[in-house]
């Protein structure tokens, strides 16, 4: 198993830091169980169906709102540097094709033909898979523009406030308590409440006596200016061997990857940061200006199965939309529509595993 080969390596795509608290061990054991072939296949199908539907909804949303967030619609090119990974990629391509997602297996030469910037590493490439239905974009700009559109439609946002707790009473949530930047406390009331708080969703759910199987998995990114446009890729790249992704955002490249299980720690590990810049220079020499990379780390709210938690809690007016891991942007529109169906009491428009609460 690939994960077992990574154990003990500081440069491994997934790093399980020790010593570990009980929650990390429990999540890790559940994660390994979900890696069993039958469970992995089931989870991949569920995520694939949601992703395909979400992509169609994203297209409709763009048509309606005319959003502009440095998006590129040339797809995502998955690269394989050994035959074992390529064979796995071929199986994945066949699987997602059957659920309506575009996927084409390419030779190394075809990869370079699609994006000439790959010529510098063609001799090492075994092949690729083009997800031609995919797009890439700047998620920050995407969410800002959505927030602007929502505000114009009448949504009120409360920025700079921390969520202190949910208040359950008589089998329902009665209010949401906030603390603003000056330390003043206040309450917000509503007909329904949605927990969509990333890795902190688990803490809020405890007030509803539920245990969400979410763990904060730290990921790193490096953003660097394009130095030579002729050497920089124009299609989003995923290196399946190293679990590193690259996206072209205007005149910059964003390289992201690695998974680190270390609680809520957000410290930047220099070795893991440098691995990202070394990777881009190795595959695309001279493409990026690496003199002052902007490094960042964030916590992905990840479930052991990688399936987001979408649906009603044990309480009738509390709902969840969380646990999307690395696929928040990919699954955002579909997840939101599923959530709206659940809140409205309508049947979901696609088949998706219903959340079954845990104590």
Protein backbone atom coordinates (compact mmCIF):
# COMPACT_ATOMS: atom_id res chain seq x y z
CA UNK A 1 0.00 0.00 0.00
CA UNK A 2 1.38 3.42 -1.00
CA UNK A 3 0.62 5.04 2.36
CA UNK A 4 2.65 2.44 4.26
CA UNK A 5 5.67 3.21 2.07
CA UNK A 6 5.41 6.87 3.08
CA UNK A 7 5.54 6.25 6.84
CA UNK A 8 8.65 7.69 8.44
CA UNK A 9 9.61 9.88 5.46
CA UNK A 10 9.73 13.62 6.22
CA UNK A 11 9.26 14.41 2.51
CA UNK A 12 6.34 12.00 2.06
CA UNK A 13 3.15 13.37 0.45
CA UNK A 14 1.33 12.33 3.65
CA UNK A 15 3.08 12.94 6.97
CA UNK A 16 1.72 11.57 10.25
CA UNK A 17 3.56 13.50 12.95
CA UNK A 18 4.33 11.87 16.29
CA UNK A 19 3.48 11.90 19.11
CA UNK A 20 -0.20 11.87 18.19
CA UNK A 21 -3.31 12.55 20.24
CA UNK A 22 -6.10 9.91 20.36
CA UNK A 23 -8.25 11.76 17.80
CA UNK A 24 -5.44 11.55 15.24
CA UNK A 25 -4.95 7.81 15.81
CA UNK A 26 -8.69 7.19 15.57
CA UNK A 27 -8.99 9.16 12.33
CA UNK A 28 -5.94 7.40 10.91
CA UNK A 29 -7.37 3.96 11.62
CA UNK A 30 -10.70 4.92 10.03
CA UNK A 31 -8.81 6.31 7.03
CA UNK A 32 -6.93 3.04 6.51
CA UNK A 33 -10.21 1.13 6.63
CA UNK A 34 -11.64 3.37 3.90
CA UNK A 35 -8.61 2.51 1.72
CA UNK A 36 -9.87 -1.07 1.34
CA UNK A 37 -10.71 -1.70 -2.36
CA UNK A 38 -14.47 -2.06 -1.94
CA UNK A 39 -14.85 1.04 0.19
CA UNK A 40 -12.47 3.07 -1.97
CA UNK A 41 -14.43 2.16 -5.11
CA UNK A 42 -17.74 3.12 -3.49
CA UNK A 43 -16.36 6.43 -2.24
CA UNK A 44 -14.83 7.28 -5.61
CA UNK A 45 -18.17 6.73 -7.34
CA UNK A 46 -20.03 8.93 -4.85
CA UNK A 47 -17.49 11.74 -5.15
CA UNK A 48 -17.43 11.37 -8.94
CA UNK A 49 -21.21 11.73 -9.27
CA UNK A 50 -21.19 14.79 -7.00
CA UNK A 51 -18.24 16.31 -8.88
CA UNK A 52 -19.86 15.84 -12.30
CA UNK A 53 -23.10 17.43 -11.12
CA UNK A 54 -21.24 20.21 -9.34
CA UNK A 55 -19.35 21.04 -12.53
CA UNK A 56 -22.59 21.48 -14.45
CA UNK A 57 -23.99 23.72 -11.71
CA UNK A 58 -20.79 25.79 -11.69
CA UNK A 59 -21.16 26.32 -15.45
CA UNK A 60 -24.76 27.48 -14.98
CA UNK A 61 -23.70 29.80 -12.15
CA UNK A 62 -21.00 31.38 -14.31
CA UNK A 63 -23.49 31.93 -17.09
CA UNK A 64 -25.92 33.58 -14.69
CA UNK A 65 -23.49 35.82 -12.79
CA UNK A 66 -20.72 36.29 -15.38
CA UNK A 67 -18.02 35.57 -12.79
CA UNK A 68 -14.36 36.28 -13.51
CA UNK A 69 -11.84 34.59 -11.21
CA UNK A 70 -8.82 33.79 -13.42
CA UNK A 71 -10.52 30.56 -14.45
CA UNK A 72 -9.09 28.35 -17.16
CA UNK A 73 -11.25 25.75 -18.88
CA UNK A 74 -8.52 23.65 -20.53
CA UNK A 75 -9.03 20.87 -18.00
CA UNK A 76 -6.65 19.24 -15.56
CA UNK A 77 -3.73 17.18 -16.83
CA UNK A 78 -2.73 14.33 -14.50
CA UNK A 79 0.89 13.22 -14.99
CA UNK A 80 2.31 9.75 -14.35
CA UNK A 81 6.02 9.10 -14.01
CA UNK A 82 5.97 5.32 -13.64
CA UNK A 83 3.96 2.50 -15.15
CA UNK A 84 2.27 1.53 -11.90
CA UNK A 85 0.75 5.01 -11.49
CA UNK A 86 -0.21 5.07 -15.17
CA UNK A 87 -2.09 1.77 -14.91
CA UNK A 88 -3.93 3.08 -11.88
CA UNK A 89 -4.73 6.24 -13.86
CA UNK A 90 -6.16 4.19 -16.73
CA UNK A 91 -8.48 2.40 -14.30
CA UNK A 92 -9.56 5.73 -12.81
CA UNK A 93 -10.20 7.14 -16.28
CA UNK A 94 -12.44 4.20 -17.18
CA UNK A 95 -14.31 4.58 -13.90
CA UNK A 96 -15.04 8.30 -14.20
CA UNK A 97 -15.90 8.02 -17.90
CA UNK A 98 -18.71 5.67 -16.89
CA UNK A 99 -20.24 8.33 -14.67
CA UNK A 100 -20.12 11.04 -17.30
CA UNK A 101 -16.83 12.82 -16.56
CA UNK A 102 -14.52 13.48 -19.50
CA UNK A 103 -11.19 11.67 -19.21
CA UNK A 104 -8.64 10.88 -21.93
CA UNK A 105 -5.50 8.80 -21.43
CA UNK A 106 -2.53 10.43 -23.20
CA UNK A 107 0.96 9.34 -24.15
CA UNK A 108 3.91 11.43 -23.01
CA UNK A 109 4.10 12.93 -26.50
CA UNK A 110 0.41 13.85 -26.42
CA UNK A 111 0.88 15.52 -23.03
CA UNK A 112 3.61 17.73 -24.49
CA UNK A 113 1.47 18.45 -27.53
CA UNK A 114 -1.33 19.62 -25.24
CA UNK A 115 1.02 21.83 -23.20
CA UNK A 116 4.48 22.42 -24.73
CA UNK A 117 5.88 23.51 -21.35
CA UNK A 118 6.07 19.80 -20.49
CA UNK A 119 8.80 19.24 -23.09
CA UNK A 120 11.47 19.67 -20.42
CA UNK A 121 10.27 16.56 -18.55
CA UNK A 122 8.94 14.43 -21.42
CA UNK A 123 11.78 11.89 -21.13
CA UNK A 124 10.58 11.06 -17.59
CA UNK A 125 6.87 10.99 -18.36
CA UNK A 126 5.12 7.65 -18.73
CA UNK A 127 1.80 9.18 -19.74
CA UNK A 128 -1.07 11.32 -18.58
CA UNK A 129 -4.79 11.62 -18.19
CA UNK A 130 -6.66 14.74 -19.26
CA UNK A 131 -9.79 15.59 -17.31
CA UNK A 132 -11.15 17.85 -20.02
CA UNK A 133 -14.36 18.73 -18.16
CA UNK A 134 -12.38 20.30 -15.31
CA UNK A 135 -11.38 23.89 -14.81
CA UNK A 136 -9.05 25.73 -12.47
CA UNK A 137 -9.41 29.15 -10.93
CA UNK A 138 -8.68 31.52 -8.08
CA UNK A 139 -10.92 30.33 -5.24
CA UNK A 140 -10.47 33.56 -3.29
CA UNK A 141 -11.77 35.66 -6.18
CA UNK A 142 -14.56 33.14 -6.78
CA UNK A 143 -15.85 33.34 -3.21
CA UNK A 144 -15.50 37.14 -3.05
CA UNK A 145 -17.61 37.56 -6.16
CA UNK A 146 -20.19 35.08 -4.89
CA UNK A 147 -20.37 37.02 -1.62
CA UNK A 148 -20.92 40.27 -3.54
CA UNK A 149 -23.72 38.66 -5.56
CA UNK A 150 -25.29 37.23 -2.40
CA UNK A 151 -25.16 40.62 -0.65
CA UNK A 152 -26.94 42.23 -3.59
CA UNK A 153 -29.61 39.53 -3.26
CA UNK A 154 -30.18 40.45 0.40
CA UNK A 155 -27.76 38.23 2.36
CA UNK A 156 -26.25 39.82 5.47
CA UNK A 157 -22.65 38.87 6.32
CA UNK A 158 -21.08 39.29 9.74
CA UNK A 159 -17.31 39.58 9.24
CA UNK A 160 -14.71 39.69 12.00
CA UNK A 161 -16.81 37.68 14.44
CA UNK A 162 -15.92 34.35 16.04
CA UNK A 163 -18.54 31.66 16.52
CA UNK A 164 -18.61 30.91 20.22
CA UNK A 165 -21.24 28.16 20.38
CA UNK A 166 -24.54 26.80 19.17
CA UNK A 167 -27.35 26.83 21.72
CA UNK A 168 -29.54 23.69 21.73
CA UNK A 169 -32.79 23.69 23.68
CA UNK A 170 -35.69 21.24 23.67
CA UNK A 171 -34.27 19.27 20.76
CA UNK A 172 -33.60 22.28 18.49
CA UNK A 173 -30.97 24.97 17.97
CA UNK A 174 -32.37 28.24 19.29
CA UNK A 175 -29.46 30.62 18.59
CA UNK A 176 -25.87 31.05 17.51
CA UNK A 177 -23.59 33.02 19.85
CA UNK A 178 -20.86 35.24 18.38
CA UNK A 179 -17.99 37.31 19.72
CA UNK A 180 -16.93 40.33 17.63
CA UNK A 181 -13.46 41.86 17.29
CA UNK A 182 -13.97 44.10 20.33
CA UNK A 183 -15.02 41.18 22.53
CA UNK A 184 -18.72 42.00 22.52
CA UNK A 185 -21.05 39.03 22.53
CA UNK A 186 -24.28 38.69 20.61
CA UNK A 187 -26.74 36.11 19.39
CA UNK A 188 -28.12 35.33 15.93
CA UNK A 189 -31.39 33.47 15.54
CA UNK A 190 -32.87 31.72 12.53
CA UNK A 191 -35.18 28.99 11.31
CA UNK A 192 -32.29 26.73 10.30
CA UNK A 193 -28.56 26.62 11.02
CA UNK A 194 -25.78 25.24 8.83
CA UNK A 195 -22.40 24.16 10.18
CA UNK A 196 -19.93 24.90 7.41
CA UNK A 197 -16.88 25.79 9.48
CA UNK A 198 -14.15 23.68 7.92
CA UNK A 199 -11.96 21.85 10.41
CA UNK A 200 -13.73 23.61 13.29
CA UNK A 201 -17.08 22.05 12.36
CA UNK A 202 -16.31 19.14 14.67
CA UNK A 203 -16.13 21.44 17.71
CA UNK A 204 -19.47 23.08 16.92
CA UNK A 205 -21.15 19.73 16.29
CA UNK A 206 -20.36 18.61 19.83
CA UNK A 207 -23.03 21.04 21.04
CA UNK A 208 -25.53 18.89 19.12
CA UNK A 209 -24.06 15.76 20.75
CA UNK A 210 -22.62 14.54 17.46
CA UNK A 211 -19.13 13.40 16.53
CA UNK A 212 -18.11 14.45 13.06
CA UNK A 213 -15.29 12.24 11.68
CA UNK A 214 -13.26 15.26 10.56
CA UNK A 215 -9.56 15.87 11.11
CA UNK A 216 -7.56 18.99 10.07
CA UNK A 217 -5.10 17.84 7.41
CA UNK A 218 -2.54 20.58 6.78
CA UNK A 219 -1.68 21.39 3.19
CA UNK A 220 0.98 23.76 1.87
CA UNK A 221 1.09 26.08 -1.13
CA UNK A 222 3.64 28.33 -2.78
CA UNK A 223 2.66 31.21 -5.07
CA UNK A 224 5.37 32.55 -7.38
CA UNK A 225 5.41 35.00 -10.31
CA UNK A 226 5.81 33.64 -13.82
CA UNK A 227 9.34 34.42 -15.00
CA UNK A 228 9.22 32.98 -18.54
CA UNK A 229 5.72 32.50 -19.94
CA UNK A 230 7.01 30.20 -22.70
CA UNK A 231 8.19 27.70 -20.07
CA UNK A 232 5.19 27.94 -17.76
CA UNK A 233 2.23 25.56 -18.20
CA UNK A 234 -1.14 26.96 -19.22
CA UNK A 235 -3.13 23.91 -18.12
CA UNK A 236 -3.63 22.86 -14.51
CA UNK A 237 -1.18 20.06 -13.64
CA UNK A 238 -1.48 17.23 -11.12
CA UNK A 239 1.62 15.14 -10.43
CA UNK A 240 0.07 11.86 -9.29
CA UNK A 241 3.40 10.45 -8.09
CA UNK A 242 4.17 13.31 -5.69
CA UNK A 243 0.58 14.47 -5.03
CA UNK A 244 1.43 18.02 -6.09
CA UNK A 245 -0.82 20.30 -8.15
CA UNK A 246 -0.04 23.44 -10.10
CA UNK A 247 -2.43 26.08 -11.41
CA UNK A 248 -1.78 29.13 -13.57
CA UNK A 249 -3.44 32.15 -11.94
CA UNK A 250 -2.95 35.14 -14.18
CA UNK A 251 0.77 35.96 -14.12
CA UNK A 252 1.48 33.64 -11.20
CA UNK A 253 1.85 29.94 -10.55
CA UNK A 254 0.37 28.31 -7.47
CA UNK A 255 1.92 25.01 -6.41
CA UNK A 256 0.15 23.09 -3.68
CA UNK A 257 0.34 19.70 -2.08
CA UNK A 258 1.33 17.47 0.81
CA UNK A 259 -0.86 16.31 3.65
CA UNK A 260 0.31 16.67 7.22
CA UNK A 261 -1.55 15.31 10.26
CA UNK A 262 -0.44 17.51 13.13
CA UNK A 263 -3.60 18.78 14.82
CA UNK A 264 -4.38 22.47 14.33
CA UNK A 265 -0.71 23.38 13.97
CA UNK A 266 -0.16 25.93 11.16
CA UNK A 267 3.62 26.32 11.43
CA UNK A 268 5.41 26.25 8.08
CA UNK A 269 7.88 23.39 7.71
CA UNK A 270 10.78 24.69 5.60
CA UNK A 271 11.48 21.26 4.10
CA UNK A 272 7.93 20.85 2.87
CA UNK A 273 7.77 24.42 1.58
CA UNK A 274 11.03 24.04 -0.33
CA UNK A 275 9.83 20.75 -1.82
CA UNK A 276 7.14 22.70 -3.70
CA UNK A 277 9.52 25.21 -5.25
CA UNK A 278 12.06 22.50 -6.05
CA UNK A 279 9.32 20.54 -7.79
CA UNK A 280 8.30 23.41 -10.09
CA UNK A 281 11.92 24.16 -10.96
CA UNK A 282 12.56 20.47 -11.66
CA UNK A 283 9.61 20.06 -14.02
CA UNK A 284 9.53 23.56 -15.51
CA UNK A 285 13.06 24.99 -15.21
CA UNK A 286 13.20 28.77 -15.56
CA UNK A 287 9.41 29.16 -15.65
CA UNK A 288 9.01 30.68 -12.18
CA UNK A 289 10.69 33.49 -10.27
CA UNK A 290 11.64 31.70 -7.05
CA UNK A 291 13.41 34.57 -5.30
CA UNK A 292 10.54 35.37 -2.92
CA UNK A 293 7.85 32.68 -2.95
CA UNK A 294 4.72 33.29 -0.90
CA UNK A 295 4.24 30.20 1.27
CA UNK A 296 0.97 29.39 2.98
CA UNK A 297 -0.50 26.52 5.00
CA UNK A 298 -4.15 25.74 5.63
CA UNK A 299 -6.22 23.06 7.32
CA UNK A 300 -8.31 20.85 5.07
CA UNK A 301 -11.40 19.46 6.88
CA UNK A 302 -10.99 15.84 5.87
CA UNK A 303 -13.12 12.77 6.54
CA UNK A 304 -11.59 9.26 6.48
CA UNK A 305 -13.62 8.39 3.37
CA UNK A 306 -12.99 11.77 1.70
CA UNK A 307 -16.80 12.09 1.41
CA UNK A 308 -18.16 15.46 2.54
CA UNK A 309 -20.76 15.47 5.30
CA UNK A 310 -23.92 16.99 3.79
CA UNK A 311 -27.32 16.71 5.42
CA UNK A 312 -29.35 17.03 8.58
CA UNK A 313 -27.96 16.50 12.05
CA UNK A 314 -29.80 14.72 14.86
CA UNK A 315 -31.60 18.02 15.46
CA UNK A 316 -34.30 18.97 12.93
CA UNK A 317 -33.06 22.52 12.24
CA UNK A 318 -29.28 21.91 12.20
CA UNK A 319 -27.54 20.91 8.97
CA UNK A 320 -23.99 20.14 7.86
CA UNK A 321 -22.03 21.05 4.76
CA UNK A 322 -18.44 20.29 5.67
CA UNK A 323 -15.56 17.82 5.40
CA UNK A 324 -14.65 18.46 1.75
CA UNK A 325 -10.91 17.93 2.23
CA UNK A 326 -9.02 18.95 -0.92
CA UNK A 327 -12.19 19.10 -3.03
CA UNK A 328 -13.96 22.18 -1.70
CA UNK A 329 -13.92 24.08 -4.99
CA UNK A 330 -14.65 20.96 -7.03
CA UNK A 331 -17.71 19.99 -5.00
CA UNK A 332 -18.93 23.42 -3.84
CA UNK A 333 -21.89 24.01 -6.14
CA UNK A 334 -23.21 20.47 -5.97
CA UNK A 335 -22.87 20.39 -2.18
CA UNK A 336 -24.77 23.68 -1.86
CA UNK A 337 -27.61 22.40 -4.02
CA UNK A 338 -27.81 19.14 -2.07
CA UNK A 339 -27.93 21.12 1.15
CA UNK A 340 -30.73 23.31 -0.21
CA UNK A 341 -32.69 20.17 -1.11
CA UNK A 342 -32.29 18.80 2.41
CA UNK A 343 -33.31 22.08 4.07
CA UNK A 344 -36.36 22.44 1.79
CA UNK A 345 -37.36 18.83 2.45
CA UNK A 346 -37.03 17.98 -1.23
CA UNK A 347 -35.56 14.71 -2.54
CA UNK A 348 -31.90 15.10 -3.53
CA UNK A 349 -31.30 15.48 -7.25
CA UNK A 350 -28.50 12.93 -7.24
CA UNK A 351 -27.77 9.85 -5.16
CA UNK A 352 -25.45 10.66 -2.31
CA UNK A 353 -24.78 8.88 1.03
CA UNK A 354 -26.98 10.43 3.69
CA UNK A 355 -25.21 11.57 6.85
CA UNK A 356 -25.95 9.25 9.74
CA UNK A 357 -25.19 10.94 13.02
CA UNK A 358 -22.63 9.61 15.48
CA UNK A 359 -22.48 10.10 19.22
